[in-house]
Amino acid sequence: MIRKKRNPFEQTVEGDEQQGETPEADISDPSEEGIDAVEAEIQPAEEELQQAEDALSAAEQEVARHRDAMLRMQAEMDNTRKRLVRDAEKSRRFALERIMKDLLQVLDTMERGLQTGRESATVESLLEGQELTLKMLTKVLSDHSLELVDPAGEPFNPELHEAVTMLPSPDHEEGTVMEVLQKGYKLHDRLVRPAMVVVSSKP
């Protein structure tokens, strides 16, 4: 029996092939564990982003609500201001209406007195007419809160009196109103006209 000699080159090639064989590389997709890990990291960020968006939306709604409230308040204040201006204008126009009506009564009395005086005028009747007219006029002014300032014999008050002159007087204490040259008047505690007075000084 003849043995076939083996080619040494074949053995070398086979050996090389055996030696050159490498295990097949694992090139499969990432494992489920890796995906779960990535998703676990992404989910909190998405939740935080959603929370931030919700907070922003709530803040925007709150700003809009406050803005609407401010606009309504401004509109109400503007309407109130306009109403006050109208009321003040009406009050200014008709403030004297009542007193004018009352003064018309005094005017009517004076006209009747003049008409009667032309027919049968006497000194006494004229004086009586003047006294009646003065009483009526004084009452009208008093009804409208006008107060008389007649400080004869009172201490001088620079807030209510105006000293025309000062005269020495042994019968009065210094700074006393000796004489009232012109009476003063107040309206609702506000001085309309000071009383013109003569004030005593040391003799």
N, C-alpha and C. Protein backbone atom coordinates (compact mmCIF):
# COMPACT_ATOMS: atom_id res chain seq x y z
N MET A 1 0.87 -1.18 0.00
CA MET A 1 0.00 0.00 0.00
C MET A 1 0.89 1.22 0.00
N ILE A 2 0.52 2.11 -0.90
CA ILE A 2 1.35 3.32 -1.01
C ILE A 2 0.63 4.47 -0.33
N ARG A 3 1.28 5.08 0.63
CA ARG A 3 0.72 6.24 1.33
C ARG A 3 0.97 7.50 0.54
N LYS A 4 -0.07 8.26 0.49
CA LYS A 4 0.05 9.53 -0.20
C LYS A 4 0.66 10.55 0.72
N LYS A 5 1.69 11.09 0.21
CA LYS A 5 2.36 12.10 1.03
C LYS A 5 1.51 13.36 1.09
N ARG A 6 1.47 13.88 2.29
CA ARG A 6 0.67 15.13 2.51
C ARG A 6 1.52 16.32 2.20
N ASN A 7 0.92 17.20 1.46
CA ASN A 7 1.64 18.41 1.09
C ASN A 7 1.78 19.28 2.32
N PRO A 8 3.01 19.60 2.64
CA PRO A 8 3.21 20.44 3.83
C PRO A 8 2.60 21.80 3.71
N PHE A 9 2.51 22.26 2.46
CA PHE A 9 1.90 23.59 2.27
C PHE A 9 0.43 23.56 2.62
N GLU A 10 -0.24 22.49 2.32
CA GLU A 10 -1.67 22.37 2.66
C GLU A 10 -1.87 22.39 4.16
N GLN A 11 -0.94 21.68 4.84
CA GLN A 11 -1.06 21.67 6.31
C GLN A 11 -0.89 23.06 6.86
N THR A 12 0.02 23.78 6.23
CA THR A 12 0.27 25.14 6.72
C THR A 12 -0.93 26.02 6.47
N VAL A 13 -1.53 25.82 5.30
CA VAL A 13 -2.71 26.64 4.98
C VAL A 13 -3.85 26.30 5.89
N GLU A 14 -4.03 25.00 6.11
CA GLU A 14 -5.12 24.60 7.01
C GLU A 14 -4.87 25.10 8.40
N GLY A 15 -3.56 24.98 8.79
CA GLY A 15 -3.26 25.49 10.13
C GLY A 15 -3.52 26.96 10.24
N ASP A 16 -3.14 27.63 9.13
CA ASP A 16 -3.39 29.09 9.17
C ASP A 16 -4.86 29.39 9.22
N GLU A 17 -5.63 28.60 8.46
CA GLU A 17 -7.07 28.83 8.48
C GLU A 17 -7.65 28.57 9.86
N GLN A 18 -7.11 27.49 10.50
CA GLN A 18 -7.62 27.18 11.84
C GLN A 18 -7.21 28.27 12.82
N GLN A 19 -5.92 28.70 12.63
CA GLN A 19 -5.46 29.75 13.54
C GLN A 19 -6.15 31.07 13.27
N GLY A 20 -6.51 31.34 12.01
CA GLY A 20 -7.11 32.63 11.67
C GLY A 20 -8.58 32.71 11.96
N GLU A 21 -9.16 31.58 12.30
CA GLU A 21 -10.58 31.60 12.64
C GLU A 21 -10.80 32.40 13.92
N THR A 22 -11.72 33.32 13.87
CA THR A 22 -12.07 34.14 15.06
C THR A 22 -13.55 33.97 15.33
N PRO A 23 -13.94 34.04 16.55
CA PRO A 23 -15.37 33.90 16.87
C PRO A 23 -16.15 35.03 16.24
N GLU A 24 -17.33 34.71 15.79
CA GLU A 24 -18.21 35.71 15.14
C GLU A 24 -18.55 36.80 16.13
N ALA A 25 -18.35 38.10 15.76
CA ALA A 25 -18.58 39.25 16.65
C ALA A 25 -20.07 39.44 16.91
N ASP A 26 -20.39 39.88 18.13
CA ASP A 26 -21.80 40.12 18.52
C ASP A 26 -22.17 41.54 18.13
N ILE A 27 -22.88 41.69 17.03
CA ILE A 27 -23.25 43.03 16.54
C ILE A 27 -24.76 43.22 16.63
N SER A 28 -25.36 42.57 17.60
CA SER A 28 -26.82 42.69 17.77
C SER A 28 -27.17 44.07 18.33
N ASP A 29 -28.51 44.50 18.34
CA ASP A 29 -29.00 45.79 18.86
C ASP A 29 -28.74 45.91 20.35
N PRO A 30 -28.78 47.16 20.87
CA PRO A 30 -28.55 47.33 22.32
C PRO A 30 -29.55 46.50 23.10
N SER A 31 -29.15 46.12 24.25
CA SER A 31 -29.99 45.27 25.09
C SER A 31 -31.16 46.07 25.65
N GLU A 32 -32.21 45.40 26.08
CA GLU A 32 -33.39 46.06 26.68
C GLU A 32 -33.01 46.80 27.96
N GLU A 33 -32.03 46.28 28.66
CA GLU A 33 -31.61 46.96 29.90
C GLU A 33 -31.05 48.34 29.60
N GLY A 34 -30.29 48.45 28.52
CA GLY A 34 -29.74 49.76 28.14
C GLY A 34 -30.82 50.74 27.76
N ILE A 35 -31.81 50.24 27.03
CA ILE A 35 -32.92 51.12 26.63
C ILE A 35 -33.69 51.58 27.85
N ASP A 36 -33.94 50.65 28.76
CA ASP A 36 -34.66 51.01 29.99
C ASP A 36 -33.89 52.06 30.78
N ALA A 37 -32.56 51.93 30.79
CA ALA A 37 -31.75 52.90 31.54
C ALA A 37 -31.85 54.29 30.93
N VAL A 38 -31.81 54.34 29.59
CA VAL A 38 -31.92 55.64 28.91
C VAL A 38 -33.29 56.25 29.16
N GLU A 39 -34.32 55.40 29.03
CA GLU A 39 -35.68 55.91 29.26
C GLU A 39 -35.85 56.38 30.70
N ALA A 40 -35.21 55.67 31.63
CA ALA A 40 -35.28 56.07 33.04
C ALA A 40 -34.65 57.44 33.26
N GLU A 41 -33.61 57.72 32.47
CA GLU A 41 -32.98 59.04 32.60
C GLU A 41 -33.78 60.13 31.91
N ILE A 42 -34.45 59.79 30.82
CA ILE A 42 -35.21 60.79 30.07
C ILE A 42 -36.52 61.13 30.76
N GLN A 43 -37.17 60.17 31.38
CA GLN A 43 -38.50 60.38 31.96
C GLN A 43 -38.53 61.49 33.01
N PRO A 44 -37.58 61.51 33.97
CA PRO A 44 -37.61 62.63 34.95
C PRO A 44 -37.44 63.99 34.28
N ALA A 45 -36.60 64.06 33.25
CA ALA A 45 -36.42 65.34 32.56
C ALA A 45 -37.71 65.77 31.88
N GLU A 46 -38.40 64.81 31.26
CA GLU A 46 -39.68 65.14 30.63
C GLU A 46 -40.70 65.59 31.66
N GLU A 47 -40.71 64.95 32.84
CA GLU A 47 -41.64 65.36 33.89
C GLU A 47 -41.33 66.76 34.39
N GLU A 48 -40.03 67.04 34.57
CA GLU A 48 -39.64 68.39 35.00
C GLU A 48 -40.03 69.43 33.96
N LEU A 49 -39.84 69.10 32.68
CA LEU A 49 -40.22 70.02 31.62
C LEU A 49 -41.72 70.27 31.61
N GLN A 50 -42.49 69.22 31.81
CA GLN A 50 -43.94 69.36 31.86
C GLN A 50 -44.37 70.22 33.04
N GLN A 51 -43.72 69.98 34.19
CA GLN A 51 -44.03 70.79 35.37
C GLN A 51 -43.70 72.26 35.12
N ALA A 52 -42.57 72.50 34.46
CA ALA A 52 -42.19 73.88 34.17
C ALA A 52 -43.20 74.52 33.22
N GLU A 53 -43.64 73.77 32.22
CA GLU A 53 -44.63 74.31 31.29
C GLU A 53 -45.95 74.58 31.99
N ASP A 54 -46.35 73.68 32.90
CA ASP A 54 -47.59 73.91 33.66
C ASP A 54 -47.48 75.14 34.54
N ALA A 55 -46.31 75.29 35.19
CA ALA A 55 -46.11 76.46 36.05
C ALA A 55 -46.13 77.74 35.23
N LEU A 56 -45.51 77.72 34.06
CA LEU A 56 -45.50 78.90 33.19
C LEU A 56 -46.91 79.24 32.74
N SER A 57 -47.68 78.22 32.37
CA SER A 57 -49.05 78.46 31.94
C SER A 57 -49.89 79.05 33.08
N ALA A 58 -49.69 78.51 34.30
CA ALA A 58 -50.43 79.04 35.45
C ALA A 58 -50.04 80.49 35.73
N ALA A 59 -48.72 80.77 35.60
CA ALA A 59 -48.26 82.15 35.84
C ALA A 59 -48.84 83.10 34.81
N GLU A 60 -48.88 82.67 33.55
CA GLU A 60 -49.45 83.51 32.50
C GLU A 60 -50.93 83.78 32.76
N GLN A 61 -51.67 82.77 33.21
CA GLN A 61 -53.08 82.96 33.53
C GLN A 61 -53.26 83.91 34.70
N GLU A 62 -52.36 83.80 35.70
CA GLU A 62 -52.44 84.70 36.86
C GLU A 62 -52.15 86.15 36.45
N VAL A 63 -51.14 86.32 35.59
CA VAL A 63 -50.82 87.67 35.10
C VAL A 63 -52.00 88.25 34.32
N ALA A 64 -52.62 87.43 33.48
CA ALA A 64 -53.78 87.89 32.71
C ALA A 64 -54.93 88.27 33.64
N ARG A 65 -55.12 87.47 34.70
CA ARG A 65 -56.21 87.77 35.64
C ARG A 65 -55.96 89.10 36.35
N HIS A 66 -54.71 89.31 36.81
CA HIS A 66 -54.39 90.56 37.49
C HIS A 66 -54.49 91.74 36.53
N ARG A 67 -54.09 91.54 35.29
CA ARG A 67 -54.17 92.61 34.30
C ARG A 67 -55.63 93.00 34.06
N ASP A 68 -56.50 92.01 33.94
CA ASP A 68 -57.92 92.31 33.76
C ASP A 68 -58.48 93.04 34.97
N ALA A 69 -58.08 92.60 36.16
CA ALA A 69 -58.57 93.27 37.38
C ALA A 69 -58.08 94.71 37.42
N MET A 70 -56.83 94.95 37.03
CA MET A 70 -56.28 96.31 37.03
C MET A 70 -57.01 97.19 36.03
N LEU A 71 -57.30 96.63 34.85
CA LEU A 71 -58.02 97.40 33.84
C LEU A 71 -59.42 97.75 34.31
N ARG A 72 -60.09 96.80 34.97
CA ARG A 72 -61.42 97.09 35.50
C ARG A 72 -61.37 98.16 36.57
N MET A 73 -60.34 98.08 37.43
CA MET A 73 -60.20 99.09 38.49
C MET A 73 -59.95 100.47 37.89
N GLN A 74 -59.09 100.53 36.87
CA GLN A 74 -58.82 101.81 36.23
C GLN A 74 -60.08 102.38 35.59
N ALA A 75 -60.87 101.49 34.97
CA ALA A 75 -62.12 101.96 34.35
C ALA A 75 -63.09 102.47 35.41
N GLU A 76 -63.18 101.77 36.55
CA GLU A 76 -64.07 102.23 37.61
C GLU A 76 -63.60 103.56 38.18
N MET A 77 -62.28 103.71 38.37
CA MET A 77 -61.76 104.98 38.89
C MET A 77 -62.01 106.12 37.91
N ASP A 78 -61.86 105.84 36.64
CA ASP A 78 -62.11 106.86 35.63
C ASP A 78 -63.58 107.26 35.61
N ASN A 79 -64.46 106.27 35.72
CA ASN A 79 -65.90 106.58 35.77
C ASN A 79 -66.25 107.37 37.02
N THR A 80 -65.65 106.99 38.15
CA THR A 80 -65.90 107.72 39.40
C THR A 80 -65.42 109.16 39.29
N ARG A 81 -64.22 109.35 38.70
CA ARG A 81 -63.69 110.71 38.54
C ARG A 81 -64.62 111.55 37.66
N LYS A 82 -65.07 110.96 36.56
CA LYS A 82 -65.97 111.71 35.67
C LYS A 82 -67.28 112.04 36.37
N ARG A 83 -67.79 111.10 37.17
CA ARG A 83 -69.04 111.37 37.88
C ARG A 83 -68.86 112.48 38.91
N LEU A 84 -67.71 112.46 39.62
CA LEU A 84 -67.45 113.52 40.60
C LEU A 84 -67.32 114.88 39.94
N VAL A 85 -66.69 114.89 38.77
CA VAL A 85 -66.57 116.16 38.04
C VAL A 85 -67.94 116.68 37.64
N ARG A 86 -68.81 115.76 37.15
CA ARG A 86 -70.16 116.18 36.77
C ARG A 86 -70.95 116.67 37.98
N ASP A 87 -70.82 115.94 39.10
CA ASP A 87 -71.54 116.34 40.31
C ASP A 87 -71.05 117.69 40.82
N ALA A 88 -69.72 117.89 40.76
CA ALA A 88 -69.17 119.17 41.22
C ALA A 88 -69.65 120.31 40.33
N GLU A 89 -69.73 120.05 39.04
CA GLU A 89 -70.20 121.08 38.11
C GLU A 89 -71.67 121.40 38.38
N LYS A 90 -72.48 120.37 38.64
CA LYS A 90 -73.89 120.61 38.95
C LYS A 90 -74.02 121.38 40.26
N SER A 91 -73.22 120.98 41.25
CA SER A 91 -73.29 121.68 42.54
C SER A 91 -72.88 123.13 42.39
N ARG A 92 -71.86 123.38 41.57
CA ARG A 92 -71.41 124.75 41.37
C ARG A 92 -72.49 125.59 40.69
N ARG A 93 -73.18 124.97 39.72
CA ARG A 93 -74.19 125.71 38.98
C ARG A 93 -75.42 126.01 39.82
N PHE A 94 -75.80 125.03 40.67
CA PHE A 94 -77.05 125.18 41.40
C PHE A 94 -76.86 125.41 42.89
N ALA A 95 -75.62 125.72 43.31
CA ALA A 95 -75.38 125.95 44.74
C ALA A 95 -76.16 127.14 45.26
N LEU A 96 -76.32 128.18 44.42
CA LEU A 96 -77.00 129.40 44.86
C LEU A 96 -78.49 129.39 44.56
N GLU A 97 -78.99 128.28 44.02
CA GLU A 97 -80.40 128.26 43.63
C GLU A 97 -81.33 128.48 44.82
N ARG A 98 -81.05 127.78 45.92
CA ARG A 98 -81.93 127.90 47.08
C ARG A 98 -81.88 129.30 47.68
N ILE A 99 -80.65 129.82 47.87
CA ILE A 99 -80.55 131.15 48.47
C ILE A 99 -81.13 132.22 47.55
N MET A 100 -81.02 132.01 46.23
CA MET A 100 -81.62 132.97 45.30
C MET A 100 -83.14 132.97 45.43
N LYS A 101 -83.73 131.80 45.59
CA LYS A 101 -85.18 131.74 45.78
C LYS A 101 -85.60 132.49 47.04
N ASP A 102 -84.80 132.31 48.13
CA ASP A 102 -85.13 133.01 49.37
C ASP A 102 -84.93 134.51 49.24
N LEU A 103 -83.91 134.91 48.51
CA LEU A 103 -83.67 136.34 48.33
C LEU A 103 -84.75 136.99 47.47
N LEU A 104 -85.37 136.21 46.62
CA LEU A 104 -86.45 136.76 45.80
C LEU A 104 -87.61 137.23 46.68
N GLN A 105 -87.83 136.56 47.81
CA GLN A 105 -88.89 137.00 48.73
C GLN A 105 -88.56 138.39 49.30
N VAL A 106 -87.28 138.58 49.63
CA VAL A 106 -86.88 139.90 50.13
C VAL A 106 -87.05 140.94 49.03
N LEU A 107 -86.68 140.59 47.81
CA LEU A 107 -86.84 141.52 46.70
C LEU A 107 -88.31 141.87 46.47
N ASP A 108 -89.17 140.88 46.55
CA ASP A 108 -90.61 141.14 46.38
C ASP A 108 -91.12 142.09 47.45
N THR A 109 -90.66 141.91 48.69
CA THR A 109 -91.10 142.77 49.79
C THR A 109 -90.63 144.20 49.56
N MET A 110 -89.40 144.36 49.10
CA MET A 110 -88.89 145.70 48.84
C MET A 110 -89.67 146.38 47.72
N GLU A 111 -90.00 145.61 46.67
CA GLU A 111 -90.77 146.21 45.56
C GLU A 111 -92.16 146.62 46.02
N ARG A 112 -92.79 145.78 46.83
CA ARG A 112 -94.12 146.15 47.34
C ARG A 112 -94.04 147.37 48.23
N GLY A 113 -92.96 147.45 49.05
CA GLY A 113 -92.81 148.61 49.93
C GLY A 113 -92.61 149.89 49.14
N LEU A 114 -91.83 149.82 48.07
CA LEU A 114 -91.64 151.00 47.24
C LEU A 114 -92.92 151.42 46.55
N GLN A 115 -93.68 150.44 46.08
CA GLN A 115 -94.94 150.77 45.42
C GLN A 115 -95.92 151.42 46.39
N THR A 116 -95.97 150.89 47.62
CA THR A 116 -96.87 151.46 48.63
C THR A 116 -96.38 152.84 49.06
N GLY A 117 -95.06 153.00 49.14
CA GLY A 117 -94.50 154.28 49.59
C GLY A 117 -94.78 155.41 48.62
N ARG A 118 -94.87 155.11 47.37
CA ARG A 118 -95.16 156.16 46.40
C ARG A 118 -96.58 156.70 46.59
N GLU A 119 -97.49 155.85 47.05
CA GLU A 119 -98.88 156.28 47.23
C GLU A 119 -99.06 157.04 48.54
N SER A 120 -98.54 156.49 49.62
CA SER A 120 -98.69 157.16 50.94
C SER A 120 -97.44 156.90 51.76
N ALA A 121 -96.40 157.68 51.52
CA ALA A 121 -95.13 157.47 52.18
C ALA A 121 -95.01 158.38 53.39
N THR A 122 -94.66 157.80 54.52
CA THR A 122 -94.33 158.56 55.73
C THR A 122 -92.99 158.05 56.24
N VAL A 123 -92.39 158.84 57.09
CA VAL A 123 -91.09 158.45 57.64
C VAL A 123 -91.22 157.16 58.42
N GLU A 124 -92.29 157.05 59.20
CA GLU A 124 -92.48 155.85 60.02
C GLU A 124 -92.69 154.61 59.15
N SER A 125 -93.47 154.74 58.09
CA SER A 125 -93.73 153.60 57.22
C SER A 125 -92.45 153.16 56.49
N LEU A 126 -91.63 154.13 56.10
CA LEU A 126 -90.37 153.80 55.45
C LEU A 126 -89.43 153.08 56.41
N LEU A 127 -89.39 153.55 57.65
CA LEU A 127 -88.54 152.89 58.64
C LEU A 127 -89.03 151.47 58.93
N GLU A 128 -90.34 151.33 59.05
CA GLU A 128 -90.90 150.01 59.30
C GLU A 128 -90.60 149.06 58.13
N GLY A 129 -90.69 149.59 56.93
CA GLY A 129 -90.39 148.76 55.76
C GLY A 129 -88.93 148.33 55.73
N GLN A 130 -88.05 149.26 56.07
CA GLN A 130 -86.63 148.92 56.10
C GLN A 130 -86.32 147.88 57.18
N GLU A 131 -86.95 148.05 58.34
CA GLU A 131 -86.74 147.08 59.42
C GLU A 131 -87.24 145.69 59.03
N LEU A 132 -88.39 145.64 58.39
CA LEU A 132 -88.95 144.36 57.95
C LEU A 132 -88.04 143.70 56.91
N THR A 133 -87.56 144.53 55.97
CA THR A 133 -86.68 143.99 54.94
C THR A 133 -85.37 143.48 55.55
N LEU A 134 -84.82 144.23 56.52
CA LEU A 134 -83.59 143.81 57.17
C LEU A 134 -83.78 142.49 57.92
N LYS A 135 -84.92 142.35 58.61
CA LYS A 135 -85.19 141.10 59.34
C LYS A 135 -85.31 139.91 58.37
N MET A 136 -85.99 140.16 57.27
CA MET A 136 -86.14 139.08 56.30
C MET A 136 -84.79 138.68 55.70
N LEU A 137 -83.98 139.68 55.37
CA LEU A 137 -82.68 139.40 54.78
C LEU A 137 -81.77 138.70 55.79
N THR A 138 -81.80 139.13 57.03
CA THR A 138 -80.98 138.50 58.07
C THR A 138 -81.39 137.05 58.27
N LYS A 139 -82.68 136.79 58.23
CA LYS A 139 -83.17 135.41 58.40
C LYS A 139 -82.73 134.53 57.23
N VAL A 140 -82.82 135.07 56.02
CA VAL A 140 -82.39 134.29 54.85
C VAL A 140 -80.91 133.92 54.97
N LEU A 141 -80.09 134.89 55.33
CA LEU A 141 -78.66 134.63 55.45
C LEU A 141 -78.37 133.64 56.57
N SER A 142 -79.10 133.77 57.69
CA SER A 142 -78.90 132.86 58.80
C SER A 142 -79.34 131.45 58.44
N ASP A 143 -80.43 131.33 57.68
CA ASP A 143 -80.90 130.01 57.25
C ASP A 143 -79.88 129.31 56.37
N HIS A 144 -79.02 130.08 55.74
CA HIS A 144 -77.99 129.51 54.87
C HIS A 144 -76.62 129.51 55.55
N SER A 145 -76.64 129.43 56.87
CA SER A 145 -75.44 129.22 57.70
C SER A 145 -74.49 130.40 57.71
N LEU A 146 -74.98 131.59 57.39
CA LEU A 146 -74.14 132.77 57.51
C LEU A 146 -74.25 133.30 58.94
N GLU A 147 -73.11 133.40 59.62
CA GLU A 147 -73.08 133.82 61.03
C GLU A 147 -72.52 135.23 61.14
N LEU A 148 -73.12 135.99 62.04
CA LEU A 148 -72.70 137.37 62.27
C LEU A 148 -71.50 137.40 63.21
N VAL A 149 -70.54 138.26 62.89
CA VAL A 149 -69.38 138.50 63.77
C VAL A 149 -69.48 139.93 64.25
N ASP A 150 -69.94 140.10 65.51
CA ASP A 150 -70.14 141.42 66.11
C ASP A 150 -69.44 141.42 67.47
N PRO A 151 -68.13 141.71 67.51
CA PRO A 151 -67.32 141.48 68.71
C PRO A 151 -67.21 142.66 69.67
N ALA A 152 -68.18 143.52 69.72
CA ALA A 152 -68.08 144.68 70.61
C ALA A 152 -67.89 144.21 72.06
N GLY A 153 -66.84 144.74 72.72
CA GLY A 153 -66.56 144.40 74.11
C GLY A 153 -65.77 143.11 74.27
N GLU A 154 -65.46 142.42 73.19
CA GLU A 154 -64.72 141.15 73.27
C GLU A 154 -63.23 141.40 73.04
N PRO A 155 -62.39 140.46 73.48
CA PRO A 155 -60.96 140.59 73.18
C PRO A 155 -60.71 140.54 71.67
N PHE A 156 -59.74 141.29 71.24
CA PHE A 156 -59.42 141.34 69.82
C PHE A 156 -58.90 139.98 69.35
N ASN A 157 -59.47 139.49 68.25
CA ASN A 157 -59.08 138.20 67.67
C ASN A 157 -58.64 138.45 66.23
N PRO A 158 -57.33 138.36 65.97
CA PRO A 158 -56.85 138.68 64.61
C PRO A 158 -57.38 137.73 63.54
N GLU A 159 -57.89 136.56 63.95
CA GLU A 159 -58.42 135.62 62.97
C GLU A 159 -59.81 136.02 62.49
N LEU A 160 -60.51 136.84 63.32
CA LEU A 160 -61.88 137.24 62.96
C LEU A 160 -62.04 138.75 62.82
N HIS A 161 -61.11 139.49 63.38
CA HIS A 161 -61.26 140.95 63.41
C HIS A 161 -60.10 141.61 62.66
N GLU A 162 -60.39 142.79 62.16
CA GLU A 162 -59.36 143.60 61.52
C GLU A 162 -59.35 144.96 62.21
N ALA A 163 -58.22 145.29 62.86
CA ALA A 163 -58.12 146.53 63.62
C ALA A 163 -57.87 147.69 62.67
N VAL A 164 -58.79 148.64 62.70
CA VAL A 164 -58.64 149.84 61.89
C VAL A 164 -57.71 150.83 62.59
N THR A 165 -57.87 150.91 63.90
CA THR A 165 -57.02 151.80 64.70
C THR A 165 -57.02 151.32 66.13
N MET A 166 -56.09 151.86 66.91
CA MET A 166 -56.04 151.57 68.35
C MET A 166 -56.09 152.89 69.10
N LEU A 167 -56.91 152.92 70.13
CA LEU A 167 -57.10 154.14 70.93
C LEU A 167 -56.91 153.81 72.40
N PRO A 168 -56.25 154.71 73.13
CA PRO A 168 -56.13 154.49 74.58
C PRO A 168 -57.48 154.66 75.25
N SER A 169 -57.75 153.78 76.22
CA SER A 169 -59.04 153.84 76.91
C SER A 169 -58.87 153.37 78.34
N PRO A 170 -59.23 154.24 79.30
CA PRO A 170 -59.15 153.82 80.70
C PRO A 170 -60.30 152.89 81.09
N ASP A 171 -61.33 152.83 80.26
CA ASP A 171 -62.51 152.01 80.58
C ASP A 171 -62.44 150.60 80.00
N HIS A 172 -61.41 150.30 79.23
CA HIS A 172 -61.30 148.97 78.62
C HIS A 172 -59.92 148.39 78.88
N GLU A 173 -59.90 147.08 79.00
CA GLU A 173 -58.60 146.42 79.11
C GLU A 173 -57.88 146.52 77.76
N GLU A 174 -56.57 146.46 77.84
CA GLU A 174 -55.80 146.54 76.61
C GLU A 174 -56.16 145.37 75.67
N GLY A 175 -56.34 145.69 74.39
CA GLY A 175 -56.66 144.64 73.42
C GLY A 175 -58.13 144.30 73.34
N THR A 176 -59.00 145.19 73.84
CA THR A 176 -60.44 144.96 73.79
C THR A 176 -61.03 145.72 72.60
N VAL A 177 -62.03 145.13 71.98
CA VAL A 177 -62.73 145.79 70.88
C VAL A 177 -63.64 146.86 71.47
N MET A 178 -63.29 148.12 71.22
CA MET A 178 -64.08 149.22 71.75
C MET A 178 -65.29 149.52 70.86
N GLU A 179 -65.10 149.41 69.56
CA GLU A 179 -66.17 149.79 68.64
C GLU A 179 -66.08 148.92 67.38
N VAL A 180 -67.26 148.58 66.86
CA VAL A 180 -67.33 147.80 65.62
C VAL A 180 -67.77 148.76 64.51
N LEU A 181 -66.85 149.01 63.59
CA LEU A 181 -67.18 149.89 62.49
C LEU A 181 -67.94 149.18 61.37
N GLN A 182 -67.65 147.92 61.20
CA GLN A 182 -68.35 147.11 60.19
C GLN A 182 -68.38 145.66 60.68
N LYS A 183 -69.56 145.08 60.74
CA LYS A 183 -69.69 143.72 61.23
C LYS A 183 -69.08 142.73 60.23
N GLY A 184 -68.65 141.61 60.79
CA GLY A 184 -68.08 140.55 59.96
C GLY A 184 -69.05 139.38 59.84
N TYR A 185 -68.70 138.43 58.98
CA TYR A 185 -69.58 137.28 58.75
C TYR A 185 -68.74 136.03 58.51
N LYS A 186 -69.27 134.89 58.98
CA LYS A 186 -68.66 133.59 58.75
C LYS A 186 -69.68 132.70 58.05
N LEU A 187 -69.17 131.82 57.20
CA LEU A 187 -70.01 130.85 56.51
C LEU A 187 -69.43 129.46 56.76
N HIS A 188 -70.19 128.64 57.51
CA HIS A 188 -69.72 127.29 57.86
C HIS A 188 -68.33 127.34 58.49
N ASP A 189 -68.17 128.22 59.48
CA ASP A 189 -66.91 128.38 60.22
C ASP A 189 -65.77 128.93 59.35
N ARG A 190 -66.10 129.40 58.18
CA ARG A 190 -65.09 130.03 57.33
C ARG A 190 -65.37 131.52 57.26
N LEU A 191 -64.33 132.30 57.49
CA LEU A 191 -64.51 133.75 57.54
C LEU A 191 -64.77 134.29 56.15
N VAL A 192 -65.92 134.96 56.00
CA VAL A 192 -66.27 135.61 54.74
C VAL A 192 -65.74 137.04 54.72
N ARG A 193 -65.93 137.72 55.85
CA ARG A 193 -65.45 139.09 55.96
C ARG A 193 -65.13 139.37 57.42
N PRO A 194 -63.92 139.89 57.72
CA PRO A 194 -63.60 140.20 59.11
C PRO A 194 -64.34 141.44 59.59
N ALA A 195 -64.53 141.49 60.88
CA ALA A 195 -65.17 142.68 61.46
C ALA A 195 -64.13 143.79 61.56
N MET A 196 -64.52 144.99 61.10
CA MET A 196 -63.63 146.14 61.17
C MET A 196 -63.83 146.80 62.52
N VAL A 197 -62.78 146.86 63.34
CA VAL A 197 -62.96 147.26 64.73
C VAL A 197 -61.92 148.31 65.16
N VAL A 198 -62.27 148.95 66.28
CA VAL A 198 -61.33 149.85 66.97
C VAL A 198 -60.92 149.14 68.26
N VAL A 199 -59.62 149.05 68.50
CA VAL A 199 -59.10 148.27 69.63
C VAL A 199 -58.48 149.23 70.65
N SER A 200 -58.68 148.87 71.92
CA SER A 200 -58.16 149.72 73.00
C SER A 200 -56.70 149.42 73.24
N SER A 201 -56.00 150.46 73.69
CA SER A 201 -54.59 150.32 74.07
C SER A 201 -54.41 150.91 75.45
N LYS A 202 -53.20 150.84 75.97
CA LYS A 202 -52.96 151.41 77.29
C LYS A 202 -53.14 152.92 77.26
N PRO A 203 -53.73 153.49 78.34
CA PRO A 203 -53.92 154.95 78.36
C PRO A 203 -52.57 155.67 78.40
